Amino acid sequence: MTWVITSLCRDCVDQSCVQVCPVDCIYAYTGDDAETFPNQLYIDPEECIDCSVCEPECPWEAIFQDEQVPEIFQDDTTLNAKILDAKDQFEVPEVEELPTPTPEQVAKNKEKWGFTG
């Protein structure tokens, strides 16, 4: 099993998960194909060791175990796996400290994506 970063990360890109990943398998896209790889973080499914430390660190609640990804975000599982086809265009980002989102911001982000969970 692996973990998946969903669209709930898109344009939020909090990097708390990057800080705690023991195998550095969380990446940012550095290429110029934003249509294929939107502005979010990605987990390399071949490098993920299923330790689960990233999930509770995400203030946007964007990370799910692959078997638990909500139906509305199923395409994100495929999107995370696409990292394997373009690995040379990804890198582990330098962590920037960002303000923690408020519960209202998290709820609004979920609403934007149509997620009620």
C-alpha atoms as a PDB file:
ATOM      1  CA  MET A   1       0.000   0.000   0.000  1.00  0.00           C
ATOM      2  CA  THR A   2       0.951   3.600  -0.422  1.00  0.00           C
ATOM      3  CA  TRP A   3      -0.382   7.041   0.390  1.00  0.00           C
ATOM      4  CA  VAL A   4      -1.874   9.521  -2.067  1.00  0.00           C
ATOM      5  CA  ILE A   5      -1.912  13.307  -2.038  1.00  0.00           C
ATOM      6  CA  THR A   6      -5.249  14.485  -3.397  1.00  0.00           C
ATOM      7  CA  SER A   7      -6.509  17.645  -5.034  1.00  0.00           C
ATOM      8  CA  LEU A   8      -7.092  19.077  -1.563  1.00  0.00           C
ATOM      9  CA  CYS A   9      -3.372  19.956  -1.664  1.00  0.00           C
ATOM     10  CA  ARG A  10      -3.709  21.815  -4.949  1.00  0.00           C
ATOM     11  CA  ASP A  11      -2.424  25.386  -4.687  1.00  0.00           C
ATOM     12  CA  CYS A  12      -2.206  24.997  -0.880  1.00  0.00           C
ATOM     13  CA  VAL A  13       1.055  23.000  -0.918  1.00  0.00           C
ATOM     14  CA  ASP A  14       1.774  22.955   2.795  1.00  0.00           C
ATOM     15  CA  GLN A  15       5.027  21.063   3.196  1.00  0.00           C
ATOM     16  CA  SER A  16       4.610  19.698   6.710  1.00  0.00           C
ATOM     17  CA  CYS A  17       4.383  16.215   5.205  1.00  0.00           C
ATOM     18  CA  VAL A  18       7.743  16.656   3.484  1.00  0.00           C
ATOM     19  CA  GLN A  19       9.426  17.409   6.814  1.00  0.00           C
ATOM     20  CA  VAL A  20       8.342  14.138   8.415  1.00  0.00           C
ATOM     21  CA  CYS A  21       8.747  11.692   5.519  1.00  0.00           C
ATOM     22  CA  PRO A  22      11.553   9.297   6.522  1.00  0.00           C
ATOM     23  CA  VAL A  23      12.306   8.253   2.918  1.00  0.00           C
ATOM     24  CA  ASP A  24      11.874  11.580   1.092  1.00  0.00           C
ATOM     25  CA  CYS A  25       9.185  10.224  -1.244  1.00  0.00           C
ATOM     26  CA  ILE A  26       7.112  13.428  -1.350  1.00  0.00           C
ATOM     27  CA  TYR A  27       7.902  15.556  -4.365  1.00  0.00           C
ATOM     28  CA  ALA A  28       7.065  18.842  -6.055  1.00  0.00           C
ATOM     29  CA  TYR A  29       6.833  19.117  -9.828  1.00  0.00           C
ATOM     30  CA  THR A  30       9.511  21.353 -11.368  1.00  0.00           C
ATOM     31  CA  GLY A  31       8.536  21.069 -15.033  1.00  0.00           C
ATOM     32  CA  ASP A  32       6.322  23.330 -17.110  1.00  0.00           C
ATOM     33  CA  ASP A  33       3.370  21.030 -17.841  1.00  0.00           C
ATOM     34  CA  ALA A  34       0.972  22.432 -15.235  1.00  0.00           C
ATOM     35  CA  GLU A  35      -1.969  20.893 -17.062  1.00  0.00           C
ATOM     36  CA  THR A  36      -0.674  17.375 -16.422  1.00  0.00           C
ATOM     37  CA  PHE A  37       0.936  18.072 -13.051  1.00  0.00           C
ATOM     38  CA  PRO A  38      -0.979  20.784 -11.154  1.00  0.00           C
ATOM     39  CA  ASN A  39       0.560  22.762  -8.303  1.00  0.00           C
ATOM     40  CA  GLN A  40       0.486  20.249  -5.469  1.00  0.00           C
ATOM     41  CA  LEU A  41       2.745  17.691  -3.852  1.00  0.00           C
ATOM     42  CA  TYR A  42       3.022  14.089  -5.059  1.00  0.00           C
ATOM     43  CA  ILE A  43       3.958  10.809  -3.374  1.00  0.00           C
ATOM     44  CA  ASP A  44       6.085   8.380  -5.358  1.00  0.00           C
ATOM     45  CA  PRO A  45       4.197   5.080  -4.922  1.00  0.00           C
ATOM     46  CA  GLU A  46       7.339   3.018  -5.445  1.00  0.00           C
ATOM     47  CA  GLU A  47       9.260   4.827  -2.713  1.00  0.00           C
ATOM     48  CA  CYS A  48       6.477   5.144  -0.135  1.00  0.00           C
ATOM     49  CA  ILE A  49       7.004   2.683   2.734  1.00  0.00           C
ATOM     50  CA  ASP A  50       3.442   3.042   4.086  1.00  0.00           C
ATOM     51  CA  CYS A  51       4.620   4.513   7.383  1.00  0.00           C
ATOM     52  CA  SER A  52       1.647   6.943   7.513  1.00  0.00           C
ATOM     53  CA  VAL A  53       3.516   9.792   9.239  1.00  0.00           C
ATOM     54  CA  CYS A  54       2.601  12.232   6.462  1.00  0.00           C
ATOM     55  CA  GLU A  55      -1.171  11.938   6.830  1.00  0.00           C
ATOM     56  CA  PRO A  56      -1.638  13.552  10.265  1.00  0.00           C
ATOM     57  CA  GLU A  57       0.830  16.314   9.391  1.00  0.00           C
ATOM     58  CA  CYS A  58      -1.217  17.651   6.471  1.00  0.00           C
ATOM     59  CA  PRO A  59      -3.269  20.598   7.748  1.00  0.00           C
ATOM     60  CA  TRP A  60      -5.389  20.474   4.559  1.00  0.00           C
ATOM     61  CA  GLU A  61      -6.363  16.832   5.201  1.00  0.00           C
ATOM     62  CA  ALA A  62      -5.288  16.015   1.656  1.00  0.00           C
ATOM     63  CA  ILE A  63      -3.490  12.687   2.207  1.00  0.00           C
ATOM     64  CA  PHE A  64      -5.206   9.301   2.140  1.00  0.00           C
ATOM     65  CA  GLN A  65      -4.117   5.681   2.080  1.00  0.00           C
ATOM     66  CA  ASP A  66      -4.525   4.466  -1.500  1.00  0.00           C
ATOM     67  CA  GLU A  67      -7.317   2.067  -0.593  1.00  0.00           C
ATOM     68  CA  GLN A  68      -9.132   4.818   1.337  1.00  0.00           C
ATOM     69  CA  VAL A  69      -9.011   7.602  -1.245  1.00  0.00           C
ATOM     70  CA  PRO A  70     -12.555   8.990  -1.520  1.00  0.00           C
ATOM     71  CA  GLU A  71     -14.316   8.319  -4.812  1.00  0.00           C
ATOM     72  CA  ILE A  72     -14.252  12.005  -5.735  1.00  0.00           C
ATOM     73  CA  PHE A  73     -10.417  11.903  -5.654  1.00  0.00           C
ATOM     74  CA  GLN A  74      -9.811   8.571  -7.420  1.00  0.00           C
ATOM     75  CA  ASP A  75      -8.079  10.319 -10.343  1.00  0.00           C
ATOM     76  CA  ASP A  76      -5.485  11.605  -7.874  1.00  0.00           C
ATOM     77  CA  THR A  77      -4.227   8.074  -7.287  1.00  0.00           C
ATOM     78  CA  THR A  78      -3.397   7.850 -10.996  1.00  0.00           C
ATOM     79  CA  LEU A  79      -1.960  11.363 -10.941  1.00  0.00           C
ATOM     80  CA  ASN A  80       0.446  10.503  -8.116  1.00  0.00           C
ATOM     81  CA  ALA A  81       1.569   7.396 -10.018  1.00  0.00           C
ATOM     82  CA  LYS A  82       2.377   9.526 -13.101  1.00  0.00           C
ATOM     83  CA  ILE A  83       5.411  10.781 -11.196  1.00  0.00           C
ATOM     84  CA  LEU A  84       7.085   7.568 -12.321  1.00  0.00           C
ATOM     85  CA  ASP A  85       6.881   8.644 -15.974  1.00  0.00           C
ATOM     86  CA  ALA A  86       8.498  12.038 -15.372  1.00  0.00           C
ATOM     87  CA  LYS A  87      10.687  11.511 -12.299  1.00  0.00           C
ATOM     88  CA  ASP A  88      13.432  13.777 -13.664  1.00  0.00           C
ATOM     89  CA  GLN A  89      10.972  16.686 -13.410  1.00  0.00           C
ATOM     90  CA  PHE A  90      10.308  16.233  -9.687  1.00  0.00           C
ATOM     91  CA  GLU A  91      12.336  17.023  -6.605  1.00  0.00           C
ATOM     92  CA  VAL A  92      11.902  16.923  -2.861  1.00  0.00           C
ATOM     93  CA  PRO A  93      11.116  20.568  -2.104  1.00  0.00           C
ATOM     94  CA  GLU A  94      12.945  22.784   0.319  1.00  0.00           C
ATOM     95  CA  VAL A  95      10.485  23.166   3.160  1.00  0.00           C
ATOM     96  CA  GLU A  96       8.936  26.591   3.596  1.00  0.00           C
ATOM     97  CA  GLU A  97       7.117  27.427   6.806  1.00  0.00           C
ATOM     98  CA  LEU A  98       3.569  28.383   5.893  1.00  0.00           C
ATOM     99  CA  PRO A  99       0.802  29.604   8.186  1.00  0.00           C
ATOM    100  CA  THR A 100      -1.467  26.819   9.374  1.00  0.00           C
ATOM    101  CA  PRO A 101      -4.869  27.092   7.719  1.00  0.00           C
ATOM    102  CA  THR A 102      -7.866  27.784   9.893  1.00  0.00           C
ATOM    103  CA  PRO A 103     -10.620  25.182  10.191  1.00  0.00           C
ATOM    104  CA  GLU A 104     -12.753  27.507   8.063  1.00  0.00           C
ATOM    105  CA  GLN A 105     -10.125  27.566   5.296  1.00  0.00           C
ATOM    106  CA  VAL A 106      -9.876  23.765   5.347  1.00  0.00           C
ATOM    107  CA  ALA A 107     -13.678  23.463   5.146  1.00  0.00           C
ATOM    108  CA  LYS A 108     -13.850  25.963   2.280  1.00  0.00           C
ATOM    109  CA  ASN A 109     -11.144  24.050   0.389  1.00  0.00           C
ATOM    110  CA  LYS A 110     -13.039  20.786   0.820  1.00  0.00           C
ATOM    111  CA  GLU A 111     -16.216  22.483  -0.368  1.00  0.00           C
ATOM    112  CA  LYS A 112     -14.385  23.794  -3.435  1.00  0.00           C
ATOM    113  CA  TRP A 113     -13.522  20.219  -4.413  1.00  0.00           C
ATOM    114  CA  GLY A 114     -16.986  18.881  -3.553  1.00  0.00           C
ATOM    115  CA  PHE A 115     -15.688  16.773  -0.682  1.00  0.00           C
ATOM    116  CA  THR A 116     -17.865  16.391   2.380  1.00  0.00           C
ATOM    117  CA  GLY A 117     -15.801  13.810   4.292  1.00  0.00           C
END
